[in-house]
C-alpha atoms as a PDB file:
ATOM      1  CA  MET A   1     -18.670  11.474  21.196  1.00  0.00           C
ATOM      2  CA  ASP A   2     -21.358  11.819  23.857  1.00  0.00           C
ATOM      3  CA  PHE A   3     -21.024  10.947  27.512  1.00  0.00           C
ATOM      4  CA  THR A   4     -23.205  10.563  30.578  1.00  0.00           C
ATOM      5  CA  VAL A   5     -22.240  10.762  34.219  1.00  0.00           C
ATOM      6  CA  HIS A   6     -23.420   8.155  36.719  1.00  0.00           C
ATOM      7  CA  GLY A   7     -22.277   9.207  40.201  1.00  0.00           C
ATOM      8  CA  TYR A   8     -18.531   9.548  39.977  1.00  0.00           C
ATOM      9  CA  LEU A   9     -18.173   7.370  36.886  1.00  0.00           C
ATOM     10  CA  THR A  10     -18.021   8.840  33.416  1.00  0.00           C
ATOM     11  CA  VAL A  11     -19.415   6.461  30.793  1.00  0.00           C
ATOM     12  CA  TRP A  12     -18.455   7.197  27.230  1.00  0.00           C
ATOM     13  CA  CYS A  13     -21.118   6.371  24.667  1.00  0.00           C
ATOM     14  CA  LEU A  14     -19.493   5.045  21.530  1.00  0.00           C
ATOM     15  CA  PRO A  15     -20.830   5.682  18.030  1.00  0.00           C
ATOM     16  CA  VAL A  16     -22.924   2.644  17.181  1.00  0.00           C
ATOM     17  CA  ASP A  17     -22.212   2.781  13.454  1.00  0.00           C
ATOM     18  CA  LYS A  18     -18.495   2.075  13.742  1.00  0.00           C
ATOM     19  CA  ASN A  19     -17.190  -1.402  12.984  1.00  0.00           C
ATOM     20  CA  TYR A  20     -13.885  -1.460  14.816  1.00  0.00           C
ATOM     21  CA  ALA A  21     -12.973  -4.838  13.363  1.00  0.00           C
ATOM     22  CA  GLN A  22     -13.218  -3.271   9.912  1.00  0.00           C
ATOM     23  CA  ILE A  23     -11.200  -0.232  11.000  1.00  0.00           C
ATOM     24  CA  GLU A  24      -8.397  -2.463  12.345  1.00  0.00           C
ATOM     25  CA  ARG A  25      -8.544  -4.575   9.172  1.00  0.00           C
ATOM     26  CA  GLN A  26      -8.076  -1.564   6.895  1.00  0.00           C
ATOM     27  CA  GLU A  27      -5.322  -0.063   9.039  1.00  0.00           C
ATOM     28  CA  LEU A  28      -3.511  -3.407   9.099  1.00  0.00           C
ATOM     29  CA  CYS A  29      -3.709  -3.609   5.312  1.00  0.00           C
ATOM     30  CA  ASP A  30      -2.359  -0.070   5.030  1.00  0.00           C
ATOM     31  CA  LEU A  31       0.516  -1.129   7.279  1.00  0.00           C
ATOM     32  CA  PHE A  32       1.134  -4.276   5.233  1.00  0.00           C
ATOM     33  CA  GLU A  33       1.523  -2.116   2.137  1.00  0.00           C
ATOM     34  CA  SER A  34       3.849   0.236   3.979  1.00  0.00           C
ATOM     35  CA  VAL A  35       6.243  -2.339   5.480  1.00  0.00           C
ATOM     36  CA  GLY A  36       6.264  -4.976   2.720  1.00  0.00           C
ATOM     37  CA  PRO A  37       6.107  -8.789   2.716  1.00  0.00           C
ATOM     38  CA  ASP A  38       9.352  -9.500   4.586  1.00  0.00           C
ATOM     39  CA  HIS A  39       8.622  -7.367   7.631  1.00  0.00           C
ATOM     40  CA  PRO A  40       8.901  -9.385  10.874  1.00  0.00           C
ATOM     41  CA  THR A  41       5.899  -9.949  13.113  1.00  0.00           C
ATOM     42  CA  LEU A  42       5.335 -11.125  16.676  1.00  0.00           C
ATOM     43  CA  CYS A  43       4.027 -14.436  15.282  1.00  0.00           C
ATOM     44  CA  GLU A  44       7.092 -16.633  15.614  1.00  0.00           C
ATOM     45  CA  GLY A  45       8.520 -17.589  12.242  1.00  0.00           C
ATOM     46  CA  TRP A  46       6.012 -15.521  10.278  1.00  0.00           C
ATOM     47  CA  SER A  47       6.688 -12.562   8.048  1.00  0.00           C
ATOM     48  CA  ALA A  48       4.037 -10.040   7.066  1.00  0.00           C
ATOM     49  CA  ALA A  49       3.335 -12.192   3.985  1.00  0.00           C
ATOM     50  CA  ASP A  50       2.766 -15.265   6.155  1.00  0.00           C
ATOM     51  CA  LEU A  51       0.400 -13.332   8.401  1.00  0.00           C
ATOM     52  CA  ALA A  52      -1.570 -12.036   5.418  1.00  0.00           C
ATOM     53  CA  ALA A  53      -1.862 -15.607   4.117  1.00  0.00           C
ATOM     54  CA  HIS A  54      -3.082 -16.751   7.540  1.00  0.00           C
ATOM     55  CA  LEU A  55      -5.830 -14.134   7.505  1.00  0.00           C
ATOM     56  CA  VAL A  56      -6.927 -15.139   4.002  1.00  0.00           C
ATOM     57  CA  LEU A  57      -7.104 -18.812   4.970  1.00  0.00           C
ATOM     58  CA  ARG A  58      -8.908 -18.042   8.212  1.00  0.00           C
ATOM     59  CA  GLU A  59     -11.861 -16.526   6.368  1.00  0.00           C
ATOM     60  CA  ASN A  60     -11.836 -18.459   3.119  1.00  0.00           C
ATOM     61  CA  SER A  61     -10.675 -22.040   3.646  1.00  0.00           C
ATOM     62  CA  LEU A  62     -11.895 -25.160   5.405  1.00  0.00           C
ATOM     63  CA  LYS A  63      -8.292 -25.649   6.489  1.00  0.00           C
ATOM     64  CA  ALA A  64      -8.944 -22.869   8.982  1.00  0.00           C
ATOM     65  CA  VAL A  65     -10.649 -25.436  11.199  1.00  0.00           C
ATOM     66  CA  GLY A  66      -7.125 -25.859  12.542  1.00  0.00           C
ATOM     67  CA  LEU A  67      -7.463 -22.456  14.166  1.00  0.00           C
ATOM     68  CA  VAL A  68      -9.723 -23.959  16.790  1.00  0.00           C
ATOM     69  CA  ALA A  69      -8.469 -27.539  16.784  1.00  0.00           C
ATOM     70  CA  PRO A  70      -5.295 -28.884  18.382  1.00  0.00           C
ATOM     71  CA  GLY A  71      -2.552 -31.077  17.065  1.00  0.00           C
ATOM     72  CA  PHE A  72      -2.200 -32.151  13.471  1.00  0.00           C
ATOM     73  CA  LEU A  73      -4.970 -29.860  12.159  1.00  0.00           C
ATOM     74  CA  ALA A  74      -3.134 -26.787  13.419  1.00  0.00           C
ATOM     75  CA  LYS A  75       0.081 -28.114  11.860  1.00  0.00           C
ATOM     76  CA  LYS A  76      -1.711 -28.588   8.531  1.00  0.00           C
ATOM     77  CA  LEU A  77      -2.933 -25.006   8.700  1.00  0.00           C
ATOM     78  CA  ALA A  78       0.600 -23.741   9.356  1.00  0.00           C
ATOM     79  CA  LYS A  79       1.834 -25.613   6.271  1.00  0.00           C
ATOM     80  CA  ALA A  80      -1.052 -24.297   4.196  1.00  0.00           C
ATOM     81  CA  THR A  81      -0.246 -20.767   5.349  1.00  0.00           C
ATOM     82  CA  LYS A  82       3.367 -21.008   4.210  1.00  0.00           C
ATOM     83  CA  LYS A  83       2.285 -22.551   0.902  1.00  0.00           C
ATOM     84  CA  LEU A  84      -0.232 -19.803   0.178  1.00  0.00           C
ATOM     85  CA  ALA A  85       2.290 -17.081   1.090  1.00  0.00           C
ATOM     86  CA  LYS A  86       4.624 -18.465  -1.589  1.00  0.00           C
ATOM     87  CA  LYS A  87       1.899 -19.123  -4.168  1.00  0.00           C
ATOM     88  CA  LYS A  88       0.182 -15.716  -4.112  1.00  0.00           C
ATOM     89  CA  SER A  89       1.789 -12.325  -4.449  1.00  0.00           C
ATOM     90  CA  PHE A  90       1.796 -10.166  -1.331  1.00  0.00           C
ATOM     91  CA  GLU A  91      -0.361  -7.622  -3.140  1.00  0.00           C
ATOM     92  CA  GLU A  92      -2.989 -10.272  -3.904  1.00  0.00           C
ATOM     93  CA  LEU A  93      -3.044 -11.443  -0.299  1.00  0.00           C
ATOM     94  CA  VAL A  94      -3.397  -7.929   1.089  1.00  0.00           C
ATOM     95  CA  ASP A  95      -6.169  -7.106  -1.386  1.00  0.00           C
ATOM     96  CA  LYS A  96      -8.014 -10.258  -0.342  1.00  0.00           C
ATOM     97  CA  VAL A  97      -7.704  -9.384   3.352  1.00  0.00           C
ATOM     98  CA  ARG A  98      -8.810  -5.815   2.680  1.00  0.00           C
ATOM     99  CA  SER A  99     -11.934  -6.969   0.842  1.00  0.00           C
ATOM    100  CA  GLY A 100     -13.357  -8.307   4.087  1.00  0.00           C
ATOM    101  CA  PRO A 101     -14.983 -11.580   5.066  1.00  0.00           C
ATOM    102  CA  PRO A 102     -17.172 -13.572   2.661  1.00  0.00           C
ATOM    103  CA  PHE A 103     -20.796 -12.476   2.532  1.00  0.00           C
ATOM    104  CA  TYR A 104     -21.973 -15.296   4.801  1.00  0.00           C
ATOM    105  CA  LEU A 105     -19.639 -14.100   7.580  1.00  0.00           C
ATOM    106  CA  LYS A 106     -20.174 -10.349   7.271  1.00  0.00           C
ATOM    107  CA  ARG A 107     -22.910 -10.264   9.913  1.00  0.00           C
ATOM    108  CA  PHE A 108     -20.428 -11.804  12.374  1.00  0.00           C
ATOM    109  CA  ASP A 109     -17.517  -9.545  11.418  1.00  0.00           C
ATOM    110  CA  GLU A 110     -17.290  -7.518  14.633  1.00  0.00           C
ATOM    111  CA  ALA A 111     -17.772 -10.543  16.893  1.00  0.00           C
ATOM    112  CA  MET A 112     -15.277 -12.734  15.019  1.00  0.00           C
ATOM    113  CA  ASN A 113     -12.658 -10.239  14.014  1.00  0.00           C
ATOM    114  CA  LEU A 114     -12.290  -7.377  16.478  1.00  0.00           C
ATOM    115  CA  PHE A 115      -9.634  -9.038  18.639  1.00  0.00           C
ATOM    116  CA  GLU A 116      -8.176 -10.981  15.716  1.00  0.00           C
ATOM    117  CA  PHE A 117      -7.390  -7.898  13.668  1.00  0.00           C
ATOM    118  CA  PHE A 118      -6.410  -5.735  16.609  1.00  0.00           C
ATOM    119  CA  VAL A 119      -3.864  -8.306  17.800  1.00  0.00           C
ATOM    120  CA  HIS A 120      -2.474  -8.970  14.323  1.00  0.00           C
ATOM    121  CA  HIS A 121      -2.284  -5.232  13.639  1.00  0.00           C
ATOM    122  CA  GLU A 122      -0.074  -4.977  16.713  1.00  0.00           C
ATOM    123  CA  ASP A 123       1.873  -8.093  15.656  1.00  0.00           C
ATOM    124  CA  VAL A 124       3.071  -6.120  12.638  1.00  0.00           C
ATOM    125  CA  ARG A 125       3.429  -2.773  14.424  1.00  0.00           C
ATOM    126  CA  ARG A 126       5.508  -4.294  17.240  1.00  0.00           C
ATOM    127  CA  GLY A 127       7.398  -6.773  15.103  1.00  0.00           C
ATOM    128  CA  GLY A 128      10.001  -4.333  13.833  1.00  0.00           C
ATOM    129  CA  ALA A 129      12.987  -2.798  15.529  1.00  0.00           C
ATOM    130  CA  GLU A 130      11.129   0.356  16.558  1.00  0.00           C
ATOM    131  CA  PHE A 131       7.707   0.561  18.163  1.00  0.00           C
ATOM    132  CA  ILE A 132       5.725   3.613  19.259  1.00  0.00           C
ATOM    133  CA  PRO A 133       2.504   2.830  21.175  1.00  0.00           C
ATOM    134  CA  ARG A 134      -0.694   4.226  19.711  1.00  0.00           C
ATOM    135  CA  THR A 135      -2.159   7.117  21.682  1.00  0.00           C
ATOM    136  CA  ASP A 136      -5.346   7.807  19.722  1.00  0.00           C
ATOM    137  CA  ILE A 137      -7.419   4.694  20.403  1.00  0.00           C
ATOM    138  CA  ASN A 138      -9.613   5.624  23.378  1.00  0.00           C
ATOM    139  CA  ASP A 139     -12.774   4.541  21.560  1.00  0.00           C
ATOM    140  CA  LEU A 140     -11.181   1.233  20.632  1.00  0.00           C
ATOM    141  CA  GLU A 141     -10.009   0.711  24.221  1.00  0.00           C
ATOM    142  CA  ASN A 142     -13.610   1.079  25.434  1.00  0.00           C
ATOM    143  CA  VAL A 143     -14.899  -1.383  22.843  1.00  0.00           C
ATOM    144  CA  LEU A 144     -12.206  -3.923  23.723  1.00  0.00           C
ATOM    145  CA  TRP A 145     -13.024  -3.604  27.421  1.00  0.00           C
ATOM    146  CA  ALA A 146     -16.738  -4.101  26.789  1.00  0.00           C
ATOM    147  CA  LYS A 147     -15.961  -7.426  25.084  1.00  0.00           C
ATOM    148  CA  GLN A 148     -13.017  -8.417  27.283  1.00  0.00           C
ATOM    149  CA  GLU A 149     -14.768 -10.787  29.696  1.00  0.00           C
ATOM    150  CA  ARG A 150     -16.052 -13.239  27.088  1.00  0.00           C
ATOM    151  CA  PHE A 151     -12.769 -13.458  25.199  1.00  0.00           C
ATOM    152  CA  SER A 152     -10.551 -13.460  28.276  1.00  0.00           C
ATOM    153  CA  LYS A 153     -12.290 -16.460  29.800  1.00  0.00           C
ATOM    154  CA  LEU A 154     -11.477 -18.447  26.667  1.00  0.00           C
ATOM    155  CA  LEU A 155      -7.866 -17.330  26.643  1.00  0.00           C
ATOM    156  CA  VAL A 156      -7.075 -18.259  30.264  1.00  0.00           C
ATOM    157  CA  ARG A 157      -8.807 -21.635  30.361  1.00  0.00           C
ATOM    158  CA  GLY A 158      -5.415 -23.368  30.205  1.00  0.00           C
ATOM    159  CA  LEU A 159      -4.283 -21.851  33.507  1.00  0.00           C
ATOM    160  CA  LYS A 160      -4.803 -24.156  36.497  1.00  0.00           C
ATOM    161  CA  GLY A 161      -3.316 -22.343  39.490  1.00  0.00           C
ATOM    162  CA  VAL A 162      -4.773 -18.866  39.016  1.00  0.00           C
ATOM    163  CA  ASP A 163      -7.794 -16.994  40.397  1.00  0.00           C
ATOM    164  CA  LEU A 164      -7.711 -14.056  38.002  1.00  0.00           C
ATOM    165  CA  THR A 165      -9.042 -10.521  38.039  1.00  0.00           C
ATOM    166  CA  ILE A 166      -8.276  -8.075  35.225  1.00  0.00           C
ATOM    167  CA  SER A 167      -8.267  -4.338  35.838  1.00  0.00           C
ATOM    168  CA  ASN A 168      -8.113  -1.481  33.366  1.00  0.00           C
ATOM    169  CA  THR A 169      -6.303   1.797  33.926  1.00  0.00           C
ATOM    170  CA  ALA A 170      -9.538   3.474  35.039  1.00  0.00           C
ATOM    171  CA  GLY A 171      -9.795   1.056  37.965  1.00  0.00           C
ATOM    172  CA  GLU A 172     -12.663  -1.013  36.545  1.00  0.00           C
ATOM    173  CA  THR A 173     -12.322  -4.736  37.162  1.00  0.00           C
ATOM    174  CA  ILE A 174     -13.589  -7.990  35.697  1.00  0.00           C
ATOM    175  CA  TYR A 175     -13.382 -11.127  37.799  1.00  0.00           C
ATOM    176  CA  LEU A 176     -12.523 -14.093  35.600  1.00  0.00           C
ATOM    177  CA  GLY A 177     -12.154 -16.571  38.438  1.00  0.00           C
ATOM    178  CA  GLY A 178     -10.270 -19.826  38.639  1.00  0.00           C
ATOM    179  CA  ARG A 179      -9.394 -22.460  41.216  1.00  0.00           C
ATOM    180  CA  GLY A 180      -5.940 -21.184  42.041  1.00  0.00           C
ATOM    181  CA  LYS A 181      -4.393 -18.323  43.934  1.00  0.00           C
ATOM    182  CA  PRO A 182      -5.390 -14.680  43.434  1.00  0.00           C
ATOM    183  CA  VAL A 183      -3.660 -12.492  40.874  1.00  0.00           C
ATOM    184  CA  VAL A 184      -4.554  -9.192  39.224  1.00  0.00           C
ATOM    185  CA  LEU A 185      -3.584  -8.314  35.649  1.00  0.00           C
ATOM    186  CA  LYS A 186      -3.729  -4.547  35.151  1.00  0.00           C
ATOM    187  CA  GLY A 187      -3.302  -2.421  32.052  1.00  0.00           C
ATOM    188  CA  ALA A 188      -5.079  -0.763  29.169  1.00  0.00           C
ATOM    189  CA  PRO A 189      -7.643  -3.119  27.597  1.00  0.00           C
ATOM    190  CA  SER A 190      -5.499  -3.313  24.473  1.00  0.00           C
ATOM    191  CA  GLU A 191      -2.426  -4.354  26.461  1.00  0.00           C
ATOM    192  CA  ILE A 192      -4.420  -6.901  28.490  1.00  0.00           C
ATOM    193  CA  ALA A 193      -5.672  -8.395  25.226  1.00  0.00           C
ATOM    194  CA  LEU A 194      -2.155  -8.686  23.846  1.00  0.00           C
ATOM    195  CA  PHE A 195      -0.913 -10.338  27.035  1.00  0.00           C
ATOM    196  CA  LEU A 196      -3.736 -12.878  27.108  1.00  0.00           C
ATOM    197  CA  PHE A 197      -3.300 -13.653  23.405  1.00  0.00           C
ATOM    198  CA  GLY A 198       0.240 -14.737  24.239  1.00  0.00           C
ATOM    199  CA  ARG A 199       2.194 -11.553  23.432  1.00  0.00           C
ATOM    200  CA  ARG A 200       3.422 -11.385  27.027  1.00  0.00           C
ATOM    201  CA  ASP A 201       6.887 -10.022  26.287  1.00  0.00           C
ATOM    202  CA  HIS A 202       5.458  -7.243  24.127  1.00  0.00           C
ATOM    203  CA  SER A 203       2.609  -5.954  26.285  1.00  0.00           C
ATOM    204  CA  GLU A 204       2.663  -3.216  28.901  1.00  0.00           C
ATOM    205  CA  VAL A 205       0.831  -4.658  31.920  1.00  0.00           C
ATOM    206  CA  GLU A 206       1.317  -5.110  35.659  1.00  0.00           C
ATOM    207  CA  LEU A 207       0.826  -8.309  37.637  1.00  0.00           C
ATOM    208  CA  SER A 208       0.194  -8.346  41.376  1.00  0.00           C
ATOM    209  CA  GLY A 209      -0.840 -11.010  43.855  1.00  0.00           C
ATOM    210  CA  ASP A 210       0.404 -14.450  44.811  1.00  0.00           C
ATOM    211  CA  PRO A 211       3.946 -15.125  43.495  1.00  0.00           C
ATOM    212  CA  GLU A 212       3.056 -18.604  42.239  1.00  0.00           C
ATOM    213  CA  ALA A 213       0.024 -17.281  40.390  1.00  0.00           C
ATOM    214  CA  ILE A 214       2.105 -14.475  38.891  1.00  0.00           C
ATOM    215  CA  ASN A 215       4.649 -17.020  37.678  1.00  0.00           C
ATOM    216  CA  GLU A 216       1.921 -19.086  36.006  1.00  0.00           C
ATOM    217  CA  MET A 217       0.576 -15.959  34.320  1.00  0.00           C
ATOM    218  CA  LYS A 218       4.061 -15.380  32.912  1.00  0.00           C
ATOM    219  CA  THR A 219       4.792 -18.960  31.867  1.00  0.00           C
ATOM    220  CA  GLY A 220       1.512 -20.922  31.695  1.00  0.00           C
ATOM    221  CA  LYS A 221      -0.668 -21.696  28.703  1.00  0.00           C
ATOM    222  CA  LEU A 222      -2.435 -18.645  27.276  1.00  0.00           C
ATOM    223  CA  GLY A 223      -4.080 -17.753  24.023  1.00  0.00           C
ATOM    224  CA  GLY A 224      -6.704 -19.062  21.655  1.00  0.00           C
END
């Protein structure tokens, strides 16, 4: 990996030919095969088989409109997920996930799937009784941080009393704003992503600032 130095800041230049969404997808599928269909996940009520079915539906079914729609559509998707998990063997589901998105979505793979597959990879990794944080993902951390602002603004739009800044462990910050009181969410980009995607109890972050804003960060509406 190459790097350049701008003043006191070291900027790592990532290989442009790597698709980190695809890397996370393949590693998740490897993990699926290792832990089996009944392994618990951080997705409440979902086993590894349910999560694999969710990923298949997300890329291959019109029912996946429920992923971005509230209410009864999301409930229909949840039912469809459970149905598919029972209908198809776990091996079939994992093979389908591993094969990647349909051809008409491949050009959008990195944009659509980087956070999706990173978070769900961690849902399986952290869903069991024992969890050891990954220590070899510096490149991935940089890619997540580079895309953090756009995704984070979507994930915190349900918070009303927060004026939010996120900060990575290198001290870089992104101001996300808001009409409430100031609060700073600090951690590795991967941990910030997990927190904002609703995995608050399973992420390693620090919150500082106004007590009311901190409380809303811990209890308010987050996630896609």
